[in-house]
Amino acid sequence: SYTGWMYEERGRISTMTRLWLATVYLIGGKHPKLYSYQGA
């Protein structure tokens, strides 16, 4: 539900977005299947 990434300048990512991205990567997995995210 986080939308802050939409407003980042190209080439510059804030600390908040970096933390968010790392957390999504850890919880979502490296290679999600087609419907892995559907319920979430």
PDB file of all heavy atoms in Angstrom:
ATOM      1  N   SER A   1       0.826  -1.213   0.000  1.00  0.00           N
ATOM      2  CA  SER A   1       0.000   0.000   0.000  1.00  0.00           C
ATOM      3  C   SER A   1       0.859   1.261   0.000  1.00  0.00           C
ATOM      4  O   SER A   1       0.352   2.359  -0.204  1.00  0.00           O
ATOM      5  CB  SER A   1      -0.930   0.007   1.229  1.00  0.00           C
ATOM      6  OG  SER A   1      -1.803  -1.111   1.205  1.00  0.00           O
ATOM      7  N   TYR A   2       2.146   1.107   0.226  1.00  0.00           N
ATOM      8  CA  TYR A   2       3.070   2.242   0.235  1.00  0.00           C
ATOM      9  C   TYR A   2       3.224   2.806  -1.179  1.00  0.00           C
ATOM     10  O   TYR A   2       3.467   2.058  -2.135  1.00  0.00           O
ATOM     11  CB  TYR A   2       4.428   1.789   0.773  1.00  0.00           C
ATOM     12  CG  TYR A   2       5.529   2.824   0.672  1.00  0.00           C
ATOM     13  CD1 TYR A   2       5.508   3.975   1.464  1.00  0.00           C
ATOM     14  CD2 TYR A   2       6.598   2.647  -0.210  1.00  0.00           C
ATOM     15  CE1 TYR A   2       6.526   4.923   1.381  1.00  0.00           C
ATOM     16  CE2 TYR A   2       7.620   3.585  -0.302  1.00  0.00           C
ATOM     17  CZ  TYR A   2       7.578   4.713   0.496  1.00  0.00           C
ATOM     18  OH  TYR A   2       8.579   5.645   0.405  1.00  0.00           O
ATOM     19  N   THR A   3       3.066   4.116  -1.343  1.00  0.00           N
ATOM     20  CA  THR A   3       3.144   4.739  -2.672  1.00  0.00           C
ATOM     21  C   THR A   3       4.276   5.761  -2.788  1.00  0.00           C
ATOM     22  O   THR A   3       4.401   6.442  -3.795  1.00  0.00           O
ATOM     23  CB  THR A   3       1.811   5.442  -3.015  1.00  0.00           C
ATOM     24  OG1 THR A   3       1.522   6.434  -2.010  1.00  0.00           O
ATOM     25  CG2 THR A   3       0.672   4.441  -3.093  1.00  0.00           C
ATOM     26  N   GLY A   4       5.115   5.863  -1.753  1.00  0.00           N
ATOM     27  CA  GLY A   4       6.178   6.851  -1.775  1.00  0.00           C
ATOM     28  C   GLY A   4       7.164   6.655  -2.909  1.00  0.00           C
ATOM     29  O   GLY A   4       7.753   7.624  -3.408  1.00  0.00           O
ATOM     30  N   TRP A   5       7.328   5.383  -3.364  1.00  0.00           N
ATOM     31  CA  TRP A   5       8.269   5.102  -4.450  1.00  0.00           C
ATOM     32  C   TRP A   5       7.890   5.815  -5.745  1.00  0.00           C
ATOM     33  O   TRP A   5       8.737   6.084  -6.598  1.00  0.00           O
ATOM     34  CB  TRP A   5       8.349   3.598  -4.697  1.00  0.00           C
ATOM     35  CG  TRP A   5       7.047   2.982  -5.111  1.00  0.00           C
ATOM     36  CD1 TRP A   5       6.058   2.515  -4.294  1.00  0.00           C
ATOM     37  CD2 TRP A   5       6.579   2.781  -6.443  1.00  0.00           C
ATOM     38  NE1 TRP A   5       5.000   2.046  -5.015  1.00  0.00           N
ATOM     39  CE2 TRP A   5       5.299   2.189  -6.350  1.00  0.00           C
ATOM     40  CE3 TRP A   5       7.107   3.043  -7.702  1.00  0.00           C
ATOM     41  CZ2 TRP A   5       4.545   1.871  -7.473  1.00  0.00           C
ATOM     42  CZ3 TRP A   5       6.365   2.714  -8.821  1.00  0.00           C
ATOM     43  CH2 TRP A   5       5.105   2.128  -8.699  1.00  0.00           C
ATOM     44  N   MET A   6       6.590   6.137  -5.905  1.00  0.00           N
ATOM     45  CA  MET A   6       6.138   6.787  -7.140  1.00  0.00           C
ATOM     46  C   MET A   6       6.719   8.197  -7.294  1.00  0.00           C
ATOM     47  O   MET A   6       6.836   8.708  -8.404  1.00  0.00           O
ATOM     48  CB  MET A   6       4.608   6.905  -7.157  1.00  0.00           C
ATOM     49  CG  MET A   6       3.873   5.600  -7.190  1.00  0.00           C
ATOM     50  SD  MET A   6       2.088   5.910  -7.261  1.00  0.00           S
ATOM     51  CE  MET A   6       1.440   4.257  -7.160  1.00  0.00           C
ATOM     52  N   TYR A   7       7.059   8.814  -6.179  1.00  0.00           N
ATOM     53  CA  TYR A   7       7.456  10.220  -6.204  1.00  0.00           C
ATOM     54  C   TYR A   7       8.961  10.409  -6.058  1.00  0.00           C
ATOM     55  O   TYR A   7       9.430  11.536  -5.869  1.00  0.00           O
ATOM     56  CB  TYR A   7       6.708  10.974  -5.096  1.00  0.00           C
ATOM     57  CG  TYR A   7       5.210  10.762  -5.163  1.00  0.00           C
ATOM     58  CD1 TYR A   7       4.577   9.854  -4.319  1.00  0.00           C
ATOM     59  CD2 TYR A   7       4.441  11.435  -6.114  1.00  0.00           C
ATOM     60  CE1 TYR A   7       3.207   9.636  -4.394  1.00  0.00           C
ATOM     61  CE2 TYR A   7       3.073  11.224  -6.187  1.00  0.00           C
ATOM     62  CZ  TYR A   7       2.460  10.315  -5.336  1.00  0.00           C
ATOM     63  OH  TYR A   7       1.118  10.096  -5.431  1.00  0.00           O
ATOM     64  N   GLU A   8       9.710   9.313  -6.113  1.00  0.00           N
ATOM     65  CA  GLU A   8      11.172   9.412  -6.020  1.00  0.00           C
ATOM     66  C   GLU A   8      11.747   9.969  -7.324  1.00  0.00           C
ATOM     67  O   GLU A   8      11.262   9.657  -8.415  1.00  0.00           O
ATOM     68  CB  GLU A   8      11.778   8.027  -5.760  1.00  0.00           C
ATOM     69  CG  GLU A   8      11.280   7.356  -4.498  1.00  0.00           C
ATOM     70  CD  GLU A   8      11.918   7.921  -3.237  1.00  0.00           C
ATOM     71  OE1 GLU A   8      12.802   8.790  -3.363  1.00  0.00           O
ATOM     72  OE2 GLU A   8      11.524   7.498  -2.135  1.00  0.00           O
ATOM     73  N   GLU A   9      12.802  10.786  -7.200  1.00  0.00           N
ATOM     74  CA  GLU A   9      13.505  11.258  -8.390  1.00  0.00           C
ATOM     75  C   GLU A   9      14.268  10.101  -9.017  1.00  0.00           C
ATOM     76  O   GLU A   9      14.768   9.220  -8.318  1.00  0.00           O
ATOM     77  CB  GLU A   9      14.488  12.371  -8.015  1.00  0.00           C
ATOM     78  CG  GLU A   9      13.834  13.652  -7.554  1.00  0.00           C
ATOM     79  CD  GLU A   9      14.875  14.724  -7.260  1.00  0.00           C
ATOM     80  OE1 GLU A   9      15.974  14.654  -7.833  1.00  0.00           O
ATOM     81  OE2 GLU A   9      14.560  15.612  -6.450  1.00  0.00           O
ATOM     82  N   ARG A  10      14.327  10.105 -10.337  1.00  0.00           N
ATOM     83  CA  ARG A  10      15.033   9.025 -11.038  1.00  0.00           C
ATOM     84  C   ARG A  10      16.514   9.035 -10.635  1.00  0.00           C
ATOM     85  O   ARG A  10      17.180  10.066 -10.671  1.00  0.00           O
ATOM     86  CB  ARG A  10      14.904   9.204 -12.551  1.00  0.00           C
ATOM     87  CG  ARG A  10      15.553   8.089 -13.359  1.00  0.00           C
ATOM     88  CD  ARG A  10      15.206   8.178 -14.820  1.00  0.00           C
ATOM     89  NE  ARG A  10      13.793   7.950 -15.068  1.00  0.00           N
ATOM     90  CZ  ARG A  10      13.251   6.732 -15.197  1.00  0.00           C
ATOM     91  NH1 ARG A  10      14.008   5.662 -15.082  1.00  0.00           N
ATOM     92  NH2 ARG A  10      11.963   6.606 -15.439  1.00  0.00           N
ATOM     93  N   GLY A  11      16.978   7.868 -10.235  1.00  0.00           N
ATOM     94  CA  GLY A  11      18.376   7.729  -9.841  1.00  0.00           C
ATOM     95  C   GLY A  11      18.633   7.992  -8.364  1.00  0.00           C
ATOM     96  O   GLY A  11      19.721   7.701  -7.864  1.00  0.00           O
ATOM     97  N   ARG A  12      17.632   8.532  -7.655  1.00  0.00           N
ATOM     98  CA  ARG A  12      17.790   8.812  -6.228  1.00  0.00           C
ATOM     99  C   ARG A  12      16.657   8.145  -5.463  1.00  0.00           C
ATOM    100  O   ARG A  12      15.485   8.390  -5.722  1.00  0.00           O
ATOM    101  CB  ARG A  12      17.783  10.315  -5.968  1.00  0.00           C
ATOM    102  CG  ARG A  12      18.938  11.069  -6.632  1.00  0.00           C
ATOM    103  CD  ARG A  12      18.848  12.561  -6.356  1.00  0.00           C
ATOM    104  NE  ARG A  12      18.933  12.845  -4.916  1.00  0.00           N
ATOM    105  CZ  ARG A  12      18.766  14.048  -4.385  1.00  0.00           C
ATOM    106  NH1 ARG A  12      18.483  15.077  -5.173  1.00  0.00           N
ATOM    107  NH2 ARG A  12      18.870  14.234  -3.088  1.00  0.00           N
ATOM    108  N   ILE A  13      17.010   7.298  -4.512  1.00  0.00           N
ATOM    109  CA  ILE A  13      16.010   6.574  -3.728  1.00  0.00           C
ATOM    110  C   ILE A  13      16.200   6.922  -2.264  1.00  0.00           C
ATOM    111  O   ILE A  13      17.318   6.841  -1.727  1.00  0.00           O
ATOM    112  CB  ILE A  13      16.135   5.044  -3.932  1.00  0.00           C
ATOM    113  CG1 ILE A  13      16.016   4.693  -5.421  1.00  0.00           C
ATOM    114  CG2 ILE A  13      15.082   4.305  -3.136  1.00  0.00           C
ATOM    115  CD1 ILE A  13      16.188   3.218  -5.711  1.00  0.00           C
ATOM    116  N   SER A  14      15.123   7.287  -1.613  1.00  0.00           N
ATOM    117  CA  SER A  14      15.196   7.679  -0.208  1.00  0.00           C
ATOM    118  C   SER A  14      15.439   6.462   0.678  1.00  0.00           C
ATOM    119  O   SER A  14      15.237   5.312   0.276  1.00  0.00           O
ATOM    120  CB  SER A  14      13.885   8.360   0.211  1.00  0.00           C
ATOM    121  OG  SER A  14      12.816   7.433   0.170  1.00  0.00           O
ATOM    122  N   THR A  15      15.864   6.719   1.906  1.00  0.00           N
ATOM    123  CA  THR A  15      16.116   5.641   2.868  1.00  0.00           C
ATOM    124  C   THR A  15      14.836   4.864   3.156  1.00  0.00           C
ATOM    125  O   THR A  15      14.845   3.631   3.273  1.00  0.00           O
ATOM    126  CB  THR A  15      16.682   6.223   4.176  1.00  0.00           C
ATOM    127  OG1 THR A  15      17.866   6.963   3.887  1.00  0.00           O
ATOM    128  CG2 THR A  15      17.016   5.117   5.159  1.00  0.00           C
ATOM    129  N   MET A  16      13.715   5.579   3.249  1.00  0.00           N
ATOM    130  CA  MET A  16      12.426   4.938   3.508  1.00  0.00           C
ATOM    131  C   MET A  16      12.082   3.943   2.406  1.00  0.00           C
ATOM    132  O   MET A  16      11.681   2.799   2.677  1.00  0.00           O
ATOM    133  CB  MET A  16      11.337   6.017   3.614  1.00  0.00           C
ATOM    134  CG  MET A  16       9.949   5.472   3.876  1.00  0.00           C
ATOM    135  SD  MET A  16       9.813   4.754   5.519  1.00  0.00           S
ATOM    136  CE  MET A  16       8.075   4.303   5.511  1.00  0.00           C
ATOM    137  N   THR A  17      12.259   4.366   1.167  1.00  0.00           N
ATOM    138  CA  THR A  17      11.941   3.483   0.045  1.00  0.00           C
ATOM    139  C   THR A  17      12.902   2.310  -0.021  1.00  0.00           C
ATOM    140  O   THR A  17      12.509   1.187  -0.364  1.00  0.00           O
ATOM    141  CB  THR A  17      11.965   4.279  -1.277  1.00  0.00           C
ATOM    142  OG1 THR A  17      10.973   5.308  -1.220  1.00  0.00           O
ATOM    143  CG2 THR A  17      11.662   3.385  -2.474  1.00  0.00           C
ATOM    144  N   ARG A  18      14.181   2.530   0.318  1.00  0.00           N
ATOM    145  CA  ARG A  18      15.155   1.430   0.335  1.00  0.00           C
ATOM    146  C   ARG A  18      14.762   0.372   1.369  1.00  0.00           C
ATOM    147  O   ARG A  18      14.814  -0.833   1.102  1.00  0.00           O
ATOM    148  CB  ARG A  18      16.553   1.959   0.642  1.00  0.00           C
ATOM    149  CG  ARG A  18      17.187   2.765  -0.477  1.00  0.00           C
ATOM    150  CD  ARG A  18      18.579   3.249  -0.072  1.00  0.00           C
ATOM    151  NE  ARG A  18      19.120   4.174  -1.047  1.00  0.00           N
ATOM    152  CZ  ARG A  18      19.770   3.810  -2.154  1.00  0.00           C
ATOM    153  NH1 ARG A  18      19.946   2.522  -2.413  1.00  0.00           N
ATOM    154  NH2 ARG A  18      20.232   4.721  -2.991  1.00  0.00           N
ATOM    155  N   LEU A  19      14.368   0.829   2.562  1.00  0.00           N
ATOM    156  CA  LEU A  19      13.923  -0.104   3.612  1.00  0.00           C
ATOM    157  C   LEU A  19      12.677  -0.857   3.169  1.00  0.00           C
ATOM    158  O   LEU A  19      12.550  -2.073   3.370  1.00  0.00           O
ATOM    159  CB  LEU A  19      13.654   0.662   4.909  1.00  0.00           C
ATOM    160  CG  LEU A  19      14.881   1.189   5.647  1.00  0.00           C
ATOM    161  CD1 LEU A  19      14.450   2.077   6.809  1.00  0.00           C
ATOM    162  CD2 LEU A  19      15.739   0.036   6.147  1.00  0.00           C
ATOM    163  N   TRP A  20      11.742  -0.120   2.554  1.00  0.00           N
ATOM    164  CA  TRP A  20      10.508  -0.748   2.060  1.00  0.00           C
ATOM    165  C   TRP A  20      10.811  -1.802   1.003  1.00  0.00           C
ATOM    166  O   TRP A  20      10.291  -2.918   1.054  1.00  0.00           O
ATOM    167  CB  TRP A  20       9.601   0.348   1.469  1.00  0.00           C
ATOM    168  CG  TRP A  20       8.463  -0.186   0.663  1.00  0.00           C
ATOM    169  CD1 TRP A  20       7.294  -0.704   1.133  1.00  0.00           C
ATOM    170  CD2 TRP A  20       8.393  -0.248  -0.763  1.00  0.00           C
ATOM    171  NE1 TRP A  20       6.490  -1.091   0.086  1.00  0.00           N
ATOM    172  CE2 TRP A  20       7.133  -0.817  -1.080  1.00  0.00           C
ATOM    173  CE3 TRP A  20       9.242   0.126  -1.788  1.00  0.00           C
ATOM    174  CZ2 TRP A  20       6.732  -1.027  -2.396  1.00  0.00           C
ATOM    175  CZ3 TRP A  20       8.843  -0.074  -3.104  1.00  0.00           C
ATOM    176  CH2 TRP A  20       7.620  -0.650  -3.397  1.00  0.00           C
ATOM    177  N   LEU A  21      11.688  -1.458   0.071  1.00  0.00           N
ATOM    178  CA  LEU A  21      12.041  -2.376  -1.009  1.00  0.00           C
ATOM    179  C   LEU A  21      12.700  -3.641  -0.467  1.00  0.00           C
ATOM    180  O   LEU A  21      12.374  -4.756  -0.881  1.00  0.00           O
ATOM    181  CB  LEU A  21      12.979  -1.673  -1.996  1.00  0.00           C
ATOM    182  CG  LEU A  21      13.451  -2.470  -3.212  1.00  0.00           C
ATOM    183  CD1 LEU A  21      12.260  -2.955  -4.028  1.00  0.00           C
ATOM    184  CD2 LEU A  21      14.373  -1.621  -4.075  1.00  0.00           C
ATOM    185  N   ALA A  22      13.601  -3.482   0.501  1.00  0.00           N
ATOM    186  CA  ALA A  22      14.285  -4.635   1.086  1.00  0.00           C
ATOM    187  C   ALA A  22      13.303  -5.538   1.825  1.00  0.00           C
ATOM    188  O   ALA A  22      13.381  -6.776   1.735  1.00  0.00           O
ATOM    189  CB  ALA A  22      15.384  -4.155   2.036  1.00  0.00           C
ATOM    190  N   THR A  23      12.340  -4.934   2.524  1.00  0.00           N
ATOM    191  CA  THR A  23      11.359  -5.724   3.276  1.00  0.00           C
ATOM    192  C   THR A  23      10.436  -6.488   2.329  1.00  0.00           C
ATOM    193  O   THR A  23      10.136  -7.670   2.555  1.00  0.00           O
ATOM    194  CB  THR A  23      10.528  -4.807   4.200  1.00  0.00           C
ATOM    195  OG1 THR A  23      11.388  -3.973   4.951  1.00  0.00           O
ATOM    196  CG2 THR A  23       9.677  -5.637   5.141  1.00  0.00           C
ATOM    197  N   VAL A  24       9.988  -5.833   1.262  1.00  0.00           N
ATOM    198  CA  VAL A  24       9.146  -6.512   0.274  1.00  0.00           C
ATOM    199  C   VAL A  24       9.903  -7.671  -0.357  1.00  0.00           C
ATOM    200  O   VAL A  24       9.369  -8.764  -0.554  1.00  0.00           O
ATOM    201  CB  VAL A  24       8.676  -5.517  -0.823  1.00  0.00           C
ATOM    202  CG1 VAL A  24       8.005  -6.260  -1.970  1.00  0.00           C
ATOM    203  CG2 VAL A  24       7.719  -4.497  -0.243  1.00  0.00           C
ATOM    204  N   TYR A  25      11.173  -7.441  -0.654  1.00  0.00           N
ATOM    205  CA  TYR A  25      12.002  -8.480  -1.271  1.00  0.00           C
ATOM    206  C   TYR A  25      12.147  -9.683  -0.342  1.00  0.00           C
ATOM    207  O   TYR A  25      12.068 -10.842  -0.767  1.00  0.00           O
ATOM    208  CB  TYR A  25      13.365  -7.891  -1.614  1.00  0.00           C
ATOM    209  CG  TYR A  25      14.290  -8.837  -2.328  1.00  0.00           C
ATOM    210  CD1 TYR A  25      14.163  -9.074  -3.692  1.00  0.00           C
ATOM    211  CD2 TYR A  25      15.306  -9.499  -1.639  1.00  0.00           C
ATOM    212  CE1 TYR A  25      15.020  -9.944  -4.353  1.00  0.00           C
ATOM    213  CE2 TYR A  25      16.169 -10.370  -2.288  1.00  0.00           C
ATOM    214  CZ  TYR A  25      16.022 -10.587  -3.642  1.00  0.00           C
ATOM    215  OH  TYR A  25      16.864 -11.455  -4.280  1.00  0.00           O
ATOM    216  N   LEU A  26      12.369  -9.420   0.959  1.00  0.00           N
ATOM    217  CA  LEU A  26      12.546 -10.505   1.931  1.00  0.00           C
ATOM    218  C   LEU A  26      11.266 -11.309   2.125  1.00  0.00           C
ATOM    219  O   LEU A  26      11.283 -12.543   2.174  1.00  0.00           O
ATOM    220  CB  LEU A  26      13.015  -9.928   3.273  1.00  0.00           C
ATOM    221  CG  LEU A  26      14.474  -9.468   3.351  1.00  0.00           C
ATOM    222  CD1 LEU A  26      14.729  -8.745   4.664  1.00  0.00           C
ATOM    223  CD2 LEU A  26      15.420 -10.662   3.213  1.00  0.00           C
ATOM    224  N   ILE A  27      10.139 -10.606   2.247  1.00  0.00           N
ATOM    225  CA  ILE A  27       8.877 -11.295   2.530  1.00  0.00           C
ATOM    226  C   ILE A  27       8.279 -11.906   1.260  1.00  0.00           C
ATOM    227  O   ILE A  27       7.743 -13.015   1.279  1.00  0.00           O
ATOM    228  CB  ILE A  27       7.869 -10.320   3.177  1.00  0.00           C
ATOM    229  CG1 ILE A  27       8.416  -9.844   4.517  1.00  0.00           C
ATOM    230  CG2 ILE A  27       6.509 -10.977   3.361  1.00  0.00           C
ATOM    231  CD1 ILE A  27       7.541  -8.835   5.212  1.00  0.00           C
ATOM    232  N   GLY A  28       8.383 -11.180   0.137  1.00  0.00           N
ATOM    233  CA  GLY A  28       7.780 -11.664  -1.111  1.00  0.00           C
ATOM    234  C   GLY A  28       8.555 -12.773  -1.782  1.00  0.00           C
ATOM    235  O   GLY A  28       7.998 -13.550  -2.551  1.00  0.00           O
ATOM    236  N   GLY A  29       9.854 -12.859  -1.534  1.00  0.00           N
ATOM    237  CA  GLY A  29      10.660 -13.896  -2.157  1.00  0.00           C
ATOM    238  C   GLY A  29      11.351 -13.395  -3.412  1.00  0.00           C
ATOM    239  O   GLY A  29      10.949 -12.410  -4.027  1.00  0.00           O
ATOM    240  N   LYS A  30      12.395 -14.127  -3.815  1.00  0.00           N
ATOM    241  CA  LYS A  30      13.208 -13.703  -4.952  1.00  0.00           C
ATOM    242  C   LYS A  30      12.523 -13.973  -6.281  1.00  0.00           C
ATOM    243  O   LYS A  30      12.575 -13.159  -7.205  1.00  0.00           O
ATOM    244  CB  LYS A  30      14.556 -14.418  -4.900  1.00  0.00           C
ATOM    245  CG  LYS A  30      15.558 -13.932  -5.930  1.00  0.00           C
ATOM    246  CD  LYS A  30      16.910 -14.612  -5.742  1.00  0.00           C
ATOM    247  CE  LYS A  30      17.922 -14.084  -6.762  1.00  0.00           C
ATOM    248  NZ  LYS A  30      19.249 -14.755  -6.613  1.00  0.00           N
ATOM    249  N   HIS A  31      11.899 -15.128  -6.402  1.00  0.00           N
ATOM    250  CA  HIS A  31      11.246 -15.508  -7.658  1.00  0.00           C
ATOM    251  C   HIS A  31       9.792 -15.897  -7.372  1.00  0.00           C
ATOM    252  O   HIS A  31       9.463 -17.089  -7.292  1.00  0.00           O
ATOM    253  CB  HIS A  31      11.979 -16.664  -8.339  1.00  0.00           C
ATOM    254  CG  HIS A  31      13.375 -16.318  -8.773  1.00  0.00           C
ATOM    255  ND1 HIS A  31      13.621 -15.420  -9.784  1.00  0.00           N
ATOM    256  CD2 HIS A  31      14.575 -16.739  -8.309  1.00  0.00           C
ATOM    257  CE1 HIS A  31      14.932 -15.303  -9.941  1.00  0.00           C
ATOM    258  NE2 HIS A  31      15.532 -16.083  -9.058  1.00  0.00           N
ATOM    259  N   PRO A  32       8.898 -14.915  -7.198  1.00  0.00           N
ATOM    260  CA  PRO A  32       7.495 -15.236  -6.894  1.00  0.00           C
ATOM    261  C   PRO A  32       6.804 -15.898  -8.074  1.00  0.00           C
ATOM    262  O   PRO A  32       7.136 -15.643  -9.233  1.00  0.00           O
ATOM    263  CB  PRO A  32       6.889 -13.855  -6.613  1.00  0.00           C
ATOM    264  CG  PRO A  32       7.753 -12.901  -7.387  1.00  0.00           C
ATOM    265  CD  PRO A  32       9.128 -13.467  -7.334  1.00  0.00           C
ATOM    266  N   LYS A  33       5.850 -16.759  -7.781  1.00  0.00           N
ATOM    267  CA  LYS A  33       5.034 -17.373  -8.829  1.00  0.00           C
ATOM    268  C   LYS A  33       3.953 -16.394  -9.264  1.00  0.00           C
ATOM    269  O   LYS A  33       3.734 -15.360  -8.626  1.00  0.00           O
ATOM    270  CB  LYS A  33       4.424 -18.682  -8.324  1.00  0.00           C
ATOM    271  CG  LYS A  33       5.438 -19.807  -8.143  1.00  0.00           C
ATOM    272  CD  LYS A  33       4.754 -21.098  -7.750  1.00  0.00           C
ATOM    273  CE  LYS A  33       5.743 -22.251  -7.680  1.00  0.00           C
ATOM    274  NZ  LYS A  33       6.244 -22.614  -9.009  1.00  0.00           N
ATOM    275  N   LEU A  34       3.258 -16.757 -10.341  1.00  0.00           N
ATOM    276  CA  LEU A  34       2.314 -15.834 -10.966  1.00  0.00           C
ATOM    277  C   LEU A  34       1.272 -15.308  -9.982  1.00  0.00           C
ATOM    278  O   LEU A  34       0.927 -14.129  -9.998  1.00  0.00           O
ATOM    279  CB  LEU A  34       1.624 -16.533 -12.143  1.00  0.00           C
ATOM    280  CG  LEU A  34       0.649 -15.685 -12.960  1.00  0.00           C
ATOM    281  CD1 LEU A  34       1.378 -14.516 -13.624  1.00  0.00           C
ATOM    282  CD2 LEU A  34      -0.051 -16.535 -14.011  1.00  0.00           C
ATOM    283  N   TYR A  35       0.753 -16.178  -9.122  1.00  0.00           N
ATOM    284  CA  TYR A  35      -0.329 -15.774  -8.215  1.00  0.00           C
ATOM    285  C   TYR A  35       0.148 -15.628  -6.769  1.00  0.00           C
ATOM    286  O   TYR A  35      -0.664 -15.598  -5.847  1.00  0.00           O
ATOM    287  CB  TYR A  35      -1.470 -16.790  -8.285  1.00  0.00           C
ATOM    288  CG  TYR A  35      -2.056 -16.949  -9.676  1.00  0.00           C
ATOM    289  CD1 TYR A  35      -1.938 -18.148 -10.371  1.00  0.00           C
ATOM    290  CD2 TYR A  35      -2.704 -15.894 -10.297  1.00  0.00           C
ATOM    291  CE1 TYR A  35      -2.464 -18.296 -11.649  1.00  0.00           C
ATOM    292  CE2 TYR A  35      -3.225 -16.020 -11.580  1.00  0.00           C
ATOM    293  CZ  TYR A  35      -3.102 -17.226 -12.248  1.00  0.00           C
ATOM    294  OH  TYR A  35      -3.622 -17.359 -13.517  1.00  0.00           O
ATOM    295  N   SER A  36       1.464 -15.521  -6.568  1.00  0.00           N
ATOM    296  CA  SER A  36       1.996 -15.445  -5.200  1.00  0.00           C
ATOM    297  C   SER A  36       1.460 -14.247  -4.417  1.00  0.00           C
ATOM    298  O   SER A  36       1.248 -14.321  -3.205  1.00  0.00           O
ATOM    299  CB  SER A  36       3.524 -15.375  -5.243  1.00  0.00           C
ATOM    300  OG  SER A  36       4.079 -16.573  -5.727  1.00  0.00           O
ATOM    301  N   TYR A  37       1.264 -13.131  -5.109  1.00  0.00           N
ATOM    302  CA  TYR A  37       0.865 -11.907  -4.424  1.00  0.00           C
ATOM    303  C   TYR A  37      -0.652 -11.686  -4.399  1.00  0.00           C
ATOM    304  O   TYR A  37      -1.110 -10.698  -3.810  1.00  0.00           O
ATOM    305  CB  TYR A  37       1.502 -10.688  -5.114  1.00  0.00           C
ATOM    306  CG  TYR A  37       2.993 -10.569  -4.926  1.00  0.00           C
ATOM    307  CD1 TYR A  37       3.863 -10.853  -5.970  1.00  0.00           C
ATOM    308  CD2 TYR A  37       3.532 -10.159  -3.712  1.00  0.00           C
ATOM    309  CE1 TYR A  37       5.239 -10.725  -5.815  1.00  0.00           C
ATOM    310  CE2 TYR A  37       4.908 -10.024  -3.544  1.00  0.00           C
ATOM    311  CZ  TYR A  37       5.755 -10.315  -4.603  1.00  0.00           C
ATOM    312  OH  TYR A  37       7.105 -10.192  -4.444  1.00  0.00           O
ATOM    313  N   GLN A  38      -1.418 -12.554  -5.052  1.00  0.00           N
ATOM    314  CA  GLN A  38      -2.844 -12.269  -5.244  1.00  0.00           C
ATOM    315  C   GLN A  38      -3.585 -11.986  -3.945  1.00  0.00           C
ATOM    316  O   GLN A  38      -4.369 -11.045  -3.857  1.00  0.00           O
ATOM    317  CB  GLN A  38      -3.521 -13.429  -5.980  1.00  0.00           C
ATOM    318  CG  GLN A  38      -3.267 -13.451  -7.482  1.00  0.00           C
ATOM    319  CD  GLN A  38      -3.654 -12.160  -8.172  1.00  0.00           C
ATOM    320  OE1 GLN A  38      -2.793 -11.349  -8.492  1.00  0.00           O
ATOM    321  NE2 GLN A  38      -4.933 -11.953  -8.388  1.00  0.00           N
ATOM    322  N   GLY A  39      -3.346 -12.803  -2.925  1.00  0.00           N
ATOM    323  CA  GLY A  39      -4.067 -12.613  -1.667  1.00  0.00           C
ATOM    324  C   GLY A  39      -3.577 -11.435  -0.854  1.00  0.00           C
ATOM    325  O   GLY A  39      -4.215 -11.042   0.127  1.00  0.00           O
ATOM    326  N   ALA A  40      -2.432 -10.874  -1.250  1.00  0.00           N
ATOM    327  CA  ALA A  40      -1.840  -9.785  -0.475  1.00  0.00           C
ATOM    328  C   ALA A  40      -1.924  -8.432  -1.159  1.00  0.00           C
ATOM    329  O   ALA A  40      -1.404  -7.443  -0.635  1.00  0.00           O
ATOM    330  CB  ALA A  40      -0.373 -10.110  -0.178  1.00  0.00           C
TER     331      ALA A  40
END
